Amino acid sequence: MNAFKAIPDTGTQAEQQAWADLNLQSERLKPLHIAELFNADPQRFSGFSVGHGPLLLDYSKQRLDALALEKLFALADACDLKGWTEKLFSTQAVNNTEDRAAMHWALRTPVDDVQYQSCHEELKGVQDQLDKMGEMVDKIHSGQWRGMTGEPITDVVNIGVGGSDLGPLMVSRALNDFTLKRSRSLGIHFASSMDGSQMAQLLKQLRPQNTLFIVSSKSFSTVDTLYNANTALAWLERSLGKCAGLLHCHFIGVSSKPDKMSEWGIHRENQLQIWDWVGGRYSLWSCIGLPIALRIGMKGFRRLLAGAHLMDNHFRNAPWQSNIPVLMALIGVWNTNCLGINAQAILPYDGRLEKLPAYLEQLEMESNGKSVNRDGELVQLHTCPVLWGEVGPNAQHAFYQLLHQGTEVVTCDFIAPALRYHEATHSEDSLELIRQHELALANCLAQSRLLALGEAALEGEGELPHYKRYRGNQPSSTLLMKELSPFSLGAMLAAYEHKVFAQAVIWGINPFDQWGVEMGKKIATETLGVIRKEQAPEFPLDSSTLGLIDFINAQ
C-alpha cells in the first residue's frame, strides 16, 4: 500500500492549498484537550450544533474550532462539493466505473416535486412500482392473498443478502412500534445466511399453507439468495406437492431482472422492479422495502420516504454551516485525515436501533472503503475509517473500557430519540417505561460528556489513582431525533447517505461501486467445486486452502 500523505500532491491547486491550510489547523489544535475548548467558550454548544426537521446534531465535543471549521468549508468548495451534489441529483453517471447514475434520491421524490418533471420517466416508473407494492400490501393485510390451500397468509419471509436484507431488517425492527394494526398480526421474518441456518430455524416455526416468500436480489443471480429460495421452494413442495400455481401463491420477486425472475418461476404479477441505478445499500427506499411496508403499512412507508426527501432538499440547498450531512462528512474528514483517527463507534441509545450499527457499517465501509480514486490511481489520503458499534447500554458493558482507558483514539456517534413513548398514558406501566427511556438518555449524555472532558467532568473527586483516571479527549457527535418515527428515521438515514457521498467527493473516490467483493464471490464458486470434487481449480491452490479442504472432506 502506498504511503498516505497529510497534503496530497495531486488535485487542483485550490485543493492542495485547502489541505495545507487544514494541516496547519490540525497542528495547532492537536495539543488542545476538548475540555480546554469548553473552558475557552462555555457556550460552545450554541455555535457547534445545528437542527433541521426532526434532527439535532451536536458536534461541540469534536476536537475543532471555528477556524478549523472554516478551512473545512473551504476544502468542500475547492473539491466542488456543490457541483458534485447537483450531478448526484440528476441522471448523470456519477458511478463512473459502472457508467450509471446513482438515483436513490428519486425513490423518495414525490410527484409534486419540481424534480419529478425533470426526471419524469424514471420517477413515474418509481411511483408505478410503489403503487403496485401498495396493492400487494393491502391484499396481504386484508387476508385476500391466499396460499395454495386457500388459507390467508400469516407470515412473510424476506430472502435477501446485503442491502436486500440489512436495510429492510434494520428499519422493520426500528419501527416495530408502528406495526400496522390488524385482527391477526403478520409475522415478518428475514433469512440471509448462506449456510442455511436461519432458513432451517424459520421453517421449523412456520406453516407452508400460510407462508409467503419475498426473493429480493437486484441481479437475481446472488448465490446466497437463490440457495435459500430453492430451500424454501423444496420445503413448500414437500408439504403441498409440486402443483401448478404453487409459486404464484407463495413467492414475490424484487429485482432489476424480470426475465431472470420469470425463468426461476415467479409470476409476472408477483414481480416488483428496481433499477440498475439503485445500489443495494441504498435500496430500502424502493420495493426492496416491501417488508417495511408490510410492517408499518404504505402510509407509514411513504412517511419514511418523506423524511428522506426532506433531508435530500436540506443537503442540496442548505449552506455548509447549517448542513447536517455536510457537517457530518467534514468532521469525519477532519478526524480521519487531520487527527489520524481511523476508528468510529456507532452507539444508538435505543434498543429498537439494534441493527443500525451493522447497517451503517455496510453503508460507509462498502461505499468509501476504497484505495483507488476516480481516475484509477492509488489514493494519497486515508479514506473510510473502520466502523463498529452496538446499542449503547450493551456497549457500556463490552468495549467502553477501551474507549475510556484504552490506548486507541476512537470517534463516536451517539444516537437517540428525545421522546420514547409519545402515546403513553399515565398508567404505572407507561410511566415506568418513560423512566427507563430517561435512564438510557442519561447514560447517553453522561458517557459522551465523560469521553470528551475526562477528569474535567469529575470536579470534586480529588486525586484519583492512575487506574481510575479518565483522560477524555475522545471526540464525539450526538444526533438526536425528536422521536423514533418513520419520518425521523428516514431523515436520519438519508443524512448518513449524503454524508458518505460528501466524503467520497472530498477523497475523490466512487462510493457507488463495490468491486472489492466481486472476486471473492468468484473464487468461492470455484472453491465450492473443489470441495464437492466436481472440478479442478482454475488456479493452483495454496497449502493453507488445500489443508483446510482436506480437513473438511475428511469429516
Protein backbone atom coordinates (compact mmCIF):
# COMPACT_ATOMS: atom_id res chain seq x y z
CA MET A 1 0.00 0.00 0.00
CA ASN A 2 1.21 3.47 -0.80
CA ALA A 3 2.21 5.89 1.97
CA PHE A 4 -0.61 8.25 2.87
CA LYS A 5 0.01 11.98 2.99
CA ALA A 6 -1.32 14.90 5.00
CA ILE A 7 -1.19 17.12 1.91
CA PRO A 8 -1.75 15.35 -1.44
CA ASP A 9 0.37 16.39 -4.41
CA THR A 10 -2.45 15.65 -6.85
CA GLY A 11 -5.67 17.54 -7.45
CA THR A 12 -6.18 21.21 -8.25
CA GLN A 13 -4.06 23.94 -6.74
CA ALA A 14 -7.07 25.06 -4.71
CA GLU A 15 -7.48 21.54 -3.26
CA GLN A 16 -3.82 21.27 -2.33
CA GLN A 17 -3.92 24.69 -0.68
CA ALA A 18 -7.06 23.73 1.26
CA TRP A 19 -5.37 20.58 2.56
CA ALA A 20 -2.27 22.58 3.51
CA ASP A 21 -4.41 25.07 5.45
CA LEU A 22 -6.17 22.22 7.25
CA ASN A 23 -2.84 20.62 8.14
CA LEU A 24 -1.78 23.86 9.83
CA GLN A 25 -5.01 23.92 11.82
CA SER A 26 -4.60 20.32 12.94
CA GLU A 27 -1.06 21.01 14.16
CA ARG A 28 -2.43 23.96 16.13
CA LEU A 29 -5.29 22.01 17.69
CA LYS A 30 -3.68 18.61 18.35
CA PRO A 31 -2.19 19.69 21.72
CA LEU A 32 -5.55 21.05 22.94
CA HIS A 33 -7.93 18.99 25.07
CA ILE A 34 -11.68 19.16 24.40
CA ALA A 35 -12.11 20.40 27.99
CA GLU A 36 -9.96 23.43 27.09
CA LEU A 37 -12.24 24.22 24.16
CA PHE A 38 -15.24 24.30 26.52
CA ASN A 39 -13.32 26.41 29.04
CA ALA A 40 -12.49 28.92 26.31
CA ASP A 41 -16.13 29.03 25.18
CA PRO A 42 -18.64 27.98 27.89
CA GLN A 43 -21.48 28.47 25.36
CA ARG A 44 -19.76 26.25 22.79
CA PHE A 45 -22.93 24.20 22.14
CA SER A 46 -24.75 27.15 20.56
CA GLY A 47 -22.05 27.57 17.91
CA PHE A 48 -21.40 23.88 17.27
CA SER A 49 -24.86 22.41 16.92
CA VAL A 50 -27.48 22.58 14.20
CA GLY A 51 -31.03 21.34 13.78
CA HIS A 52 -33.25 20.61 10.83
CA GLY A 53 -36.67 18.98 10.78
CA PRO A 54 -36.75 16.22 13.42
CA LEU A 55 -32.95 16.10 13.88
CA LEU A 56 -30.43 17.90 16.09
CA LEU A 57 -26.69 17.42 15.52
CA ASP A 58 -24.41 18.41 18.40
CA TYR A 59 -20.75 18.39 17.36
CA SER A 60 -19.44 20.61 20.16
CA LYS A 61 -17.49 17.66 21.59
CA GLN A 62 -15.38 17.36 18.45
CA ARG A 63 -11.74 18.48 18.56
CA LEU A 64 -12.10 21.51 16.30
CA ASP A 65 -12.90 25.20 16.49
CA ALA A 66 -14.44 27.86 14.26
CA LEU A 67 -11.23 28.50 12.29
CA ALA A 68 -10.72 24.78 11.55
CA LEU A 69 -14.36 24.56 10.50
CA GLU A 70 -13.90 27.50 8.15
CA LYS A 71 -10.99 25.69 6.49
CA LEU A 72 -13.10 22.54 6.14
CA PHE A 73 -15.76 24.56 4.33
CA ALA A 74 -13.02 25.90 2.04
CA LEU A 75 -11.97 22.31 1.29
CA ALA A 76 -15.57 21.43 0.35
CA ASP A 77 -15.61 24.38 -2.04
CA ALA A 78 -12.21 23.50 -3.51
CA CYS A 79 -13.45 19.94 -4.20
CA ASP A 80 -16.61 21.33 -5.85
CA LEU A 81 -18.95 19.57 -3.46
CA LYS A 82 -21.82 21.75 -4.63
CA GLY A 83 -21.24 20.81 -8.26
CA TRP A 84 -20.97 17.11 -7.45
CA THR A 85 -24.19 17.31 -5.41
CA GLU A 86 -26.03 18.66 -8.43
CA LYS A 87 -24.58 15.83 -10.54
CA LEU A 88 -25.89 13.34 -7.97
CA PHE A 89 -29.40 14.82 -8.21
CA SER A 90 -29.55 14.27 -11.96
CA THR A 91 -29.35 11.41 -14.44
CA GLN A 92 -25.57 11.81 -14.87
CA ALA A 93 -23.36 8.75 -14.43
CA VAL A 94 -21.72 9.65 -11.10
CA ASN A 95 -20.93 5.93 -10.73
CA ASN A 96 -18.12 6.12 -13.27
CA THR A 97 -16.79 2.53 -13.08
CA GLU A 98 -20.22 1.10 -13.95
CA ASP A 99 -21.34 4.06 -16.08
CA ARG A 100 -24.52 4.55 -14.05
CA ALA A 101 -26.39 7.30 -12.29
CA ALA A 102 -26.98 6.94 -8.55
CA MET A 103 -30.59 8.00 -8.23
CA HIS A 104 -31.63 6.59 -4.87
CA TRP A 105 -32.95 10.09 -4.13
CA ALA A 106 -35.50 9.51 -6.92
CA LEU A 107 -37.05 6.68 -4.89
CA ARG A 108 -38.36 9.21 -2.36
CA THR A 109 -39.19 12.15 -4.66
CA PRO A 110 -42.94 12.92 -4.51
CA VAL A 111 -44.94 13.62 -7.66
CA ASP A 112 -45.48 17.28 -6.69
CA ASP A 113 -41.74 18.00 -6.53
CA VAL A 114 -40.15 20.05 -9.32
CA GLN A 115 -37.54 17.31 -9.75
CA TYR A 116 -40.36 14.99 -10.81
CA GLN A 117 -40.76 16.95 -14.01
CA SER A 118 -37.05 16.98 -14.92
CA CYS A 119 -36.71 13.20 -14.48
CA HIS A 120 -40.29 12.29 -15.34
CA GLU A 121 -39.69 8.92 -16.98
CA GLU A 122 -37.58 7.50 -14.14
CA LEU A 123 -39.78 8.92 -11.39
CA LYS A 124 -43.02 7.77 -13.00
CA GLY A 125 -41.58 4.24 -13.04
CA VAL A 126 -40.80 4.58 -9.33
CA GLN A 127 -44.34 5.68 -8.50
CA ASP A 128 -45.84 2.90 -10.60
CA GLN A 129 -43.87 0.30 -8.67
CA LEU A 130 -44.75 1.86 -5.32
CA ASP A 131 -48.42 1.73 -6.32
CA LYS A 132 -48.08 -1.94 -7.28
CA MET A 133 -46.31 -2.66 -3.99
CA GLY A 134 -49.14 -0.89 -2.14
CA GLU A 135 -51.69 -3.14 -3.82
CA MET A 136 -49.74 -6.20 -2.64
CA VAL A 137 -49.52 -4.83 0.90
CA ASP A 138 -53.28 -4.21 1.00
CA LYS A 139 -54.03 -7.66 -0.41
CA ILE A 140 -51.84 -9.40 2.17
CA HIS A 141 -53.12 -7.37 5.13
CA SER A 142 -56.76 -7.80 4.12
CA GLY A 143 -56.35 -11.58 4.04
CA GLN A 144 -57.04 -11.71 0.32
CA TRP A 145 -53.61 -13.11 -0.57
CA ARG A 146 -54.00 -16.82 -0.02
CA GLY A 147 -51.75 -19.82 -0.22
CA MET A 148 -52.30 -22.95 -2.31
CA THR A 149 -54.80 -24.41 0.14
CA GLY A 150 -56.87 -21.23 0.26
CA GLU A 151 -55.68 -20.14 3.70
CA PRO A 152 -54.68 -16.47 4.16
CA ILE A 153 -51.02 -15.53 4.51
CA THR A 154 -49.95 -15.09 8.12
CA ASP A 155 -46.15 -15.00 7.74
CA VAL A 156 -43.79 -13.40 5.22
CA VAL A 157 -40.12 -14.33 4.87
CA ASN A 158 -37.75 -11.90 3.15
CA ILE A 159 -34.92 -13.78 1.41
CA GLY A 160 -32.03 -11.50 0.51
CA VAL A 161 -28.49 -10.58 1.47
CA GLY A 162 -26.56 -7.33 1.92
CA GLY A 163 -28.69 -4.32 1.06
CA SER A 164 -31.63 -6.57 0.18
CA ASP A 165 -31.66 -7.80 3.77
CA LEU A 166 -29.95 -5.39 6.15
CA GLY A 167 -31.87 -2.21 5.27
CA PRO A 168 -35.36 -3.75 5.45
CA LEU A 169 -34.39 -5.71 8.57
CA MET A 170 -32.97 -2.69 10.37
CA VAL A 171 -35.93 -0.41 9.58
CA SER A 172 -38.55 -3.08 10.33
CA ARG A 173 -37.02 -3.65 13.76
CA ALA A 174 -36.61 0.06 14.43
CA LEU A 175 -40.24 0.85 13.58
CA ASN A 176 -41.83 -2.09 15.36
CA ASP A 177 -43.90 0.34 17.48
CA PHE A 178 -45.58 1.48 14.25
CA THR A 179 -46.68 -2.02 13.23
CA LEU A 180 -49.90 -1.82 11.23
CA LYS A 181 -52.77 -2.96 13.42
CA ARG A 182 -54.88 -5.81 12.06
CA SER A 183 -57.05 -8.54 13.52
CA ARG A 184 -54.17 -11.01 13.36
CA SER A 185 -50.57 -9.84 13.40
CA LEU A 186 -48.48 -10.54 10.30
CA GLY A 187 -45.16 -12.24 11.02
CA ILE A 188 -42.21 -10.61 9.19
CA HIS A 189 -39.06 -12.74 9.06
CA PHE A 190 -35.64 -12.48 7.41
CA ALA A 191 -33.23 -15.08 6.04
CA SER A 192 -29.84 -14.11 4.62
CA SER A 193 -27.15 -16.53 5.80
CA MET A 194 -25.77 -18.71 3.01
CA ASP A 195 -25.20 -21.66 5.37
CA GLY A 196 -28.98 -22.18 5.62
CA SER A 197 -29.08 -21.92 9.42
CA GLN A 198 -31.55 -19.03 9.52
CA MET A 199 -33.82 -20.63 6.94
CA ALA A 200 -33.78 -24.01 8.69
CA GLN A 201 -34.73 -22.42 12.02
CA LEU A 202 -37.51 -20.37 10.45
CA LEU A 203 -39.08 -23.25 8.57
CA LYS A 204 -39.45 -25.19 11.82
CA GLN A 205 -41.72 -22.42 13.12
CA LEU A 206 -43.87 -21.77 10.03
CA ARG A 207 -46.73 -23.48 8.21
CA PRO A 208 -46.31 -23.86 4.43
CA GLN A 209 -50.01 -23.15 3.87
CA ASN A 210 -49.72 -19.63 5.34
CA THR A 211 -46.19 -18.56 4.33
CA LEU A 212 -45.22 -16.11 1.58
CA PHE A 213 -41.60 -15.64 0.49
CA ILE A 214 -40.09 -12.44 -0.93
CA VAL A 215 -36.99 -13.16 -3.02
CA SER A 216 -35.03 -9.88 -3.20
CA SER A 217 -31.97 -9.68 -5.42
CA LYS A 218 -31.03 -6.82 -7.73
CA SER A 219 -29.25 -9.19 -10.15
CA PHE A 220 -31.36 -12.25 -9.30
CA SER A 221 -28.15 -14.23 -9.53
CA THR A 222 -26.80 -13.90 -5.98
CA VAL A 223 -25.89 -17.43 -4.93
CA ASP A 224 -26.72 -16.92 -1.24
CA THR A 225 -30.24 -15.71 -2.01
CA LEU A 226 -31.06 -18.30 -4.68
CA TYR A 227 -29.92 -21.21 -2.47
CA ASN A 228 -32.24 -20.01 0.30
CA ALA A 229 -35.06 -19.52 -2.23
CA ASN A 230 -34.58 -23.06 -3.54
CA THR A 231 -34.67 -24.38 0.03
CA ALA A 232 -37.96 -22.55 0.62
CA LEU A 233 -39.43 -23.95 -2.61
CA ALA A 234 -38.40 -27.51 -1.73
CA TRP A 235 -40.00 -27.10 1.72
CA LEU A 236 -43.28 -25.98 0.15
CA GLU A 237 -43.25 -28.79 -2.39
CA ARG A 238 -42.68 -31.44 0.27
CA SER A 239 -45.79 -30.30 2.12
CA LEU A 240 -48.07 -29.07 -0.66
CA GLY A 241 -46.82 -31.05 -3.64
CA LYS A 242 -45.34 -29.91 -6.95
CA CYS A 243 -48.55 -28.38 -8.15
CA ALA A 244 -49.29 -25.66 -10.68
CA GLY A 245 -49.76 -22.29 -9.03
CA LEU A 246 -47.53 -23.02 -6.02
CA LEU A 247 -45.00 -20.35 -6.97
CA HIS A 248 -47.77 -17.89 -7.85
CA CYS A 249 -49.33 -18.24 -4.40
CA HIS A 250 -46.17 -18.30 -2.30
CA PHE A 251 -43.46 -16.14 -3.96
CA ILE A 252 -42.90 -12.47 -4.74
CA GLY A 253 -39.75 -11.32 -6.53
CA VAL A 254 -37.96 -7.95 -6.33
CA SER A 255 -35.21 -7.42 -8.89
CA SER A 256 -33.92 -5.37 -11.81
CA LYS A 257 -34.00 -8.56 -13.94
CA PRO A 258 -37.63 -9.54 -14.72
CA ASP A 259 -36.56 -12.23 -17.19
CA LYS A 260 -34.49 -14.00 -14.54
CA MET A 261 -37.38 -13.83 -12.08
CA SER A 262 -39.65 -15.39 -14.70
CA GLU A 263 -37.09 -18.06 -15.50
CA TRP A 264 -36.91 -19.02 -11.83
CA GLY A 265 -40.69 -19.28 -11.77
CA ILE A 266 -42.01 -16.07 -10.24
CA HIS A 267 -45.21 -14.95 -11.95
CA ARG A 268 -45.16 -11.55 -13.67
CA GLU A 269 -47.99 -10.33 -11.42
CA ASN A 270 -45.78 -11.01 -8.41
CA GLN A 271 -42.71 -9.18 -9.70
CA LEU A 272 -41.60 -5.78 -8.39
CA GLN A 273 -38.93 -3.81 -10.20
CA ILE A 274 -35.85 -1.91 -9.12
CA TRP A 275 -33.30 -0.33 -11.44
CA ASP A 276 -29.59 -0.53 -12.23
CA TRP A 277 -29.14 2.95 -10.78
CA VAL A 278 -30.24 1.72 -7.33
CA GLY A 279 -27.26 0.46 -5.31
CA GLY A 280 -28.07 -2.38 -2.94
CA ARG A 281 -27.14 -0.47 0.20
CA TYR A 282 -29.28 2.45 -0.98
CA SER A 283 -32.30 0.34 -1.94
CA LEU A 284 -34.54 0.17 1.15
CA TRP A 285 -36.49 3.13 -0.28
CA SER A 286 -37.50 1.03 -3.29
CA CYS A 287 -39.64 -2.11 -3.47
CA ILE A 288 -36.77 -3.82 -1.64
CA GLY A 289 -38.52 -2.13 1.28
CA LEU A 290 -41.62 -4.32 0.87
CA PRO A 291 -41.06 -5.93 4.33
CA ILE A 292 -41.02 -2.42 5.83
CA ALA A 293 -44.30 -1.55 4.10
CA LEU A 294 -45.79 -4.81 5.35
CA ARG A 295 -44.71 -3.88 8.87
CA ILE A 296 -45.89 -0.26 9.01
CA GLY A 297 -48.29 -0.03 6.04
CA MET A 298 -47.89 2.06 2.88
CA LYS A 299 -48.86 5.26 4.68
CA GLY A 300 -46.03 4.68 7.13
CA PHE A 301 -43.65 3.74 4.31
CA ARG A 302 -44.41 6.99 2.50
CA ARG A 303 -43.68 8.88 5.73
CA LEU A 304 -40.28 7.17 5.74
CA LEU A 305 -39.74 8.39 2.16
CA ALA A 306 -40.92 11.88 3.11
CA GLY A 307 -38.34 12.14 5.89
CA ALA A 308 -35.59 11.13 3.48
CA HIS A 309 -36.84 13.63 0.88
CA LEU A 310 -36.72 16.38 3.50
CA MET A 311 -33.04 15.57 4.04
CA ASP A 312 -32.41 15.41 0.27
CA ASN A 313 -33.59 19.01 -0.09
CA HIS A 314 -31.66 20.08 3.01
CA PHE A 315 -28.43 18.53 1.67
CA ARG A 316 -28.89 20.21 -1.73
CA ASN A 317 -29.81 23.67 -0.51
CA ALA A 318 -28.52 24.40 2.99
CA PRO A 319 -25.24 26.35 3.37
CA TRP A 320 -22.33 24.32 4.75
CA GLN A 321 -22.62 25.98 8.17
CA SER A 322 -26.10 24.52 8.77
CA ASN A 323 -25.97 21.45 6.51
CA ILE A 324 -26.19 18.34 8.72
CA PRO A 325 -24.83 15.76 6.21
CA VAL A 326 -22.00 18.07 5.11
CA LEU A 327 -21.02 18.83 8.70
CA MET A 328 -21.01 15.09 9.50
CA ALA A 329 -18.86 14.45 6.42
CA LEU A 330 -16.34 17.22 7.06
CA ILE A 331 -15.99 16.29 10.72
CA GLY A 332 -15.24 12.73 9.61
CA VAL A 333 -12.62 14.00 7.14
CA TRP A 334 -11.08 16.13 9.90
CA ASN A 335 -10.87 13.18 12.29
CA THR A 336 -9.53 10.75 9.68
CA ASN A 337 -7.15 12.90 7.68
CA CYS A 338 -6.12 15.63 10.11
CA LEU A 339 -6.22 13.99 13.55
CA GLY A 340 -5.33 10.48 12.34
CA ILE A 341 -8.33 8.76 13.95
CA ASN A 342 -9.18 5.61 11.99
CA ALA A 343 -12.00 4.08 14.07
CA GLN A 344 -15.57 5.20 14.63
CA ALA A 345 -18.13 3.70 17.02
CA ILE A 346 -21.86 3.89 16.29
CA LEU A 347 -23.73 3.97 19.60
CA PRO A 348 -27.54 4.14 19.49
CA TYR A 349 -29.22 4.50 22.88
CA ASP A 350 -32.45 2.81 21.91
CA GLY A 351 -32.86 -0.96 21.63
CA ARG A 352 -35.05 -0.60 18.56
CA LEU A 353 -31.96 0.63 16.68
CA GLU A 354 -30.00 -2.54 17.41
CA LYS A 355 -29.27 -3.15 13.71
CA LEU A 356 -28.25 0.44 12.94
CA PRO A 357 -24.51 -0.09 13.60
CA ALA A 358 -24.41 -3.02 11.16
CA TYR A 359 -26.41 -1.02 8.61
CA LEU A 360 -24.03 1.95 8.79
CA GLU A 361 -21.02 -0.36 8.67
CA GLN A 362 -22.22 -1.58 5.28
CA LEU A 363 -23.28 1.87 4.05
CA GLU A 364 -19.99 3.55 4.87
CA MET A 365 -17.35 0.84 4.51
CA GLU A 366 -18.75 -0.71 1.32
CA SER A 367 -19.17 2.76 -0.17
CA ASN A 368 -15.96 4.51 0.88
CA GLY A 369 -13.65 1.61 1.70
CA LYS A 370 -11.63 2.41 -1.41
CA SER A 371 -7.93 2.90 -2.16
CA VAL A 372 -8.33 3.90 -5.82
CA ASN A 373 -9.63 7.29 -6.94
CA ARG A 374 -11.98 8.17 -9.80
CA ASP A 375 -9.02 8.39 -12.16
CA GLY A 376 -7.97 4.82 -11.40
CA GLU A 377 -4.90 5.85 -9.38
CA LEU A 378 -3.99 4.97 -5.80
CA VAL A 379 -5.33 7.49 -3.31
CA GLN A 380 -2.88 9.59 -1.32
CA LEU A 381 -5.20 10.09 1.66
CA HIS A 382 -6.77 7.78 4.19
CA THR A 383 -10.39 7.13 3.25
CA CYS A 384 -13.13 5.43 5.28
CA PRO A 385 -12.32 4.58 8.91
CA VAL A 386 -13.30 1.27 10.47
CA LEU A 387 -16.89 1.45 11.76
CA TRP A 388 -18.21 -0.73 14.56
CA GLY A 389 -20.74 -0.39 17.31
CA GLU A 390 -23.54 -1.71 19.47
CA VAL A 391 -26.61 -0.50 21.30
CA GLY A 392 -25.19 1.88 23.90
CA PRO A 393 -26.27 0.20 27.16
CA ASN A 394 -24.86 -3.13 25.93
CA ALA A 395 -21.70 -1.47 24.63
CA GLN A 396 -21.09 0.09 28.05
CA HIS A 397 -20.58 -3.43 29.39
CA ALA A 398 -18.48 -4.55 26.41
CA PHE A 399 -15.99 -2.08 24.92
CA TYR A 400 -16.44 1.25 26.74
CA GLN A 401 -13.47 0.27 28.88
CA LEU A 402 -11.33 0.66 25.75
CA LEU A 403 -13.00 3.97 24.89
CA HIS A 404 -12.37 5.44 28.34
CA GLN A 405 -8.99 4.00 29.29
CA GLY A 406 -7.59 2.14 26.28
CA THR A 407 -4.71 3.22 24.07
CA GLU A 408 -6.79 3.83 20.91
CA VAL A 409 -8.46 7.09 19.92
CA VAL A 410 -11.99 6.42 18.67
CA THR A 411 -14.56 8.93 17.49
CA CYS A 412 -18.17 8.14 18.40
CA ASP A 413 -21.65 8.88 17.11
CA PHE A 414 -24.22 8.86 19.92
CA ILE A 415 -27.75 8.48 18.53
CA ALA A 416 -31.04 8.65 20.46
CA PRO A 417 -34.67 9.80 20.26
CA ALA A 418 -35.59 12.53 22.75
CA LEU A 419 -39.07 11.05 23.23
CA ARG A 420 -39.80 7.35 23.55
CA TYR A 421 -43.42 6.79 24.45
CA HIS A 422 -45.22 9.69 22.81
CA GLU A 423 -48.60 7.95 23.13
CA ALA A 424 -48.05 6.89 26.72
CA THR A 425 -50.88 7.30 29.18
CA HIS A 426 -50.38 7.96 32.85
CA SER A 427 -50.68 4.31 33.81
CA GLU A 428 -47.97 2.91 36.07
CA ASP A 429 -46.63 0.68 33.26
CA SER A 430 -46.23 3.52 30.77
CA LEU A 431 -44.65 5.83 33.33
CA GLU A 432 -42.13 3.13 34.18
CA LEU A 433 -41.26 2.77 30.50
CA ILE A 434 -40.73 6.52 30.26
CA ARG A 435 -38.41 6.36 33.26
CA GLN A 436 -36.41 3.63 31.54
CA HIS A 437 -36.03 5.80 28.44
CA GLU A 438 -34.87 8.68 30.62
CA LEU A 439 -32.27 6.33 32.12
CA ALA A 440 -30.99 5.49 28.63
CA LEU A 441 -30.78 9.20 27.74
CA ALA A 442 -28.94 9.96 30.96
CA ASN A 443 -26.36 7.29 30.12
CA CYS A 444 -26.02 8.59 26.57
CA LEU A 445 -25.31 12.16 27.70
CA ALA A 446 -23.09 11.13 30.60
CA GLN A 447 -20.92 8.81 28.53
CA SER A 448 -20.34 11.38 25.77
CA ARG A 449 -19.51 14.00 28.41
CA LEU A 450 -17.00 11.81 30.22
CA LEU A 451 -15.39 10.64 26.96
CA ALA A 452 -14.92 14.26 25.89
CA LEU A 453 -13.97 16.02 29.12
CA GLY A 454 -12.33 13.24 31.09
CA GLU A 455 -11.43 14.20 34.64
CA ALA A 456 -12.60 17.76 33.97
CA ALA A 457 -16.12 16.30 34.27
CA LEU A 458 -15.31 14.96 37.75
CA GLU A 459 -14.71 18.11 39.77
CA GLY A 460 -14.69 17.34 43.48
CA GLU A 461 -13.46 13.76 43.06
CA GLY A 462 -9.99 14.68 44.23
CA GLU A 463 -6.80 12.97 43.14
CA LEU A 464 -7.51 9.58 41.55
CA PRO A 465 -5.09 6.66 41.23
CA HIS A 466 -3.91 6.02 37.66
CA TYR A 467 -6.16 3.01 37.18
CA LYS A 468 -9.23 5.18 37.91
CA ARG A 469 -8.28 8.14 35.74
CA TYR A 470 -10.16 9.20 32.63
CA ARG A 471 -8.07 11.02 30.04
CA GLY A 472 -11.10 12.12 27.98
CA ASN A 473 -10.41 13.94 24.69
CA GLN A 474 -12.32 11.26 22.76
CA PRO A 475 -14.30 13.24 20.14
CA SER A 476 -17.95 12.51 19.54
CA SER A 477 -21.09 13.86 17.92
CA THR A 478 -24.61 13.38 19.25
CA LEU A 479 -27.51 13.03 16.82
CA LEU A 480 -30.91 13.39 18.49
CA MET A 481 -34.30 12.75 16.92
CA LYS A 482 -37.50 14.20 18.32
CA GLU A 483 -38.80 10.63 18.39
CA LEU A 484 -38.10 7.42 16.51
CA SER A 485 -40.80 7.55 13.83
CA PRO A 486 -40.87 6.67 10.11
CA PHE A 487 -40.33 10.34 9.22
CA SER A 488 -37.41 10.99 11.57
CA LEU A 489 -35.74 7.66 10.76
CA GLY A 490 -35.98 8.44 7.03
CA ALA A 491 -34.34 11.81 7.61
CA MET A 492 -31.54 10.33 9.69
CA LEU A 493 -30.70 7.53 7.25
CA ALA A 494 -30.66 9.94 4.30
CA ALA A 495 -28.33 12.21 6.28
CA TYR A 496 -25.84 9.36 6.62
CA GLU A 497 -26.19 8.52 2.90
CA HIS A 498 -25.34 12.09 1.95
CA LYS A 499 -22.50 12.18 4.48
CA VAL A 500 -20.97 9.21 2.65
CA PHE A 501 -21.33 10.91 -0.72
CA ALA A 502 -19.83 14.19 0.51
CA GLN A 503 -16.81 12.36 1.93
CA ALA A 504 -16.36 10.47 -1.33
CA VAL A 505 -16.21 13.81 -3.17
CA ILE A 506 -13.55 15.10 -0.76
CA TRP A 507 -11.50 11.90 -1.13
CA GLY A 508 -12.03 11.74 -4.91
CA ILE A 509 -13.43 8.21 -4.91
CA ASN A 510 -16.53 6.48 -6.30
CA PRO A 511 -18.86 5.46 -3.43
CA PHE A 512 -21.33 3.58 -5.63
CA ASP A 513 -19.38 0.50 -6.74
CA GLN A 514 -18.05 -2.43 -4.70
CA TRP A 515 -15.56 -4.28 -6.87
CA GLY A 516 -13.71 -5.39 -3.77
CA VAL A 517 -16.33 -8.04 -3.03
CA GLU A 518 -16.67 -9.44 -6.54
CA MET A 519 -13.51 -11.55 -6.85
CA GLY A 520 -14.15 -13.23 -3.51
CA LYS A 521 -17.53 -14.41 -4.82
CA LYS A 522 -15.92 -15.79 -7.98
CA ILE A 523 -13.22 -17.67 -6.08
CA ALA A 524 -15.85 -19.01 -3.65
CA THR A 525 -17.80 -20.55 -6.55
CA GLU A 526 -14.63 -22.24 -7.80
CA THR A 527 -13.72 -23.43 -4.29
CA LEU A 528 -17.19 -24.94 -3.89
CA GLY A 529 -16.50 -27.13 -6.92
CA VAL A 530 -13.23 -28.27 -5.35
CA ILE A 531 -14.88 -29.09 -2.00
CA ARG A 532 -17.54 -31.11 -3.82
CA LYS A 533 -14.84 -32.72 -6.00
CA GLU A 534 -16.73 -31.59 -9.10
CA GLN A 535 -13.92 -29.62 -10.74
CA ALA A 536 -10.24 -28.82 -10.54
CA PRO A 537 -9.29 -25.27 -9.51
CA GLU A 538 -8.58 -22.79 -12.28
CA PHE A 539 -5.51 -21.59 -10.38
CA PRO A 540 -3.23 -23.68 -8.13
CA LEU A 541 -4.45 -23.58 -4.55
CA ASP A 542 -2.15 -22.60 -1.68
CA SER A 543 -1.23 -25.12 1.00
CA SER A 544 -3.49 -23.47 3.60
CA THR A 545 -6.63 -23.78 1.45
CA LEU A 546 -5.73 -27.34 0.42
CA GLY A 547 -5.14 -28.35 4.03
CA LEU A 548 -8.45 -26.88 5.15
CA ILE A 549 -10.34 -28.60 2.32
CA ASP A 550 -8.68 -31.91 3.22
CA PHE A 551 -9.84 -31.50 6.83
CA ILE A 552 -13.42 -30.65 5.73
CA ASN A 553 -13.65 -33.62 3.37
CA ALA A 554 -12.17 -35.98 5.95
CA GLN A 555 -15.13 -35.31 8.23
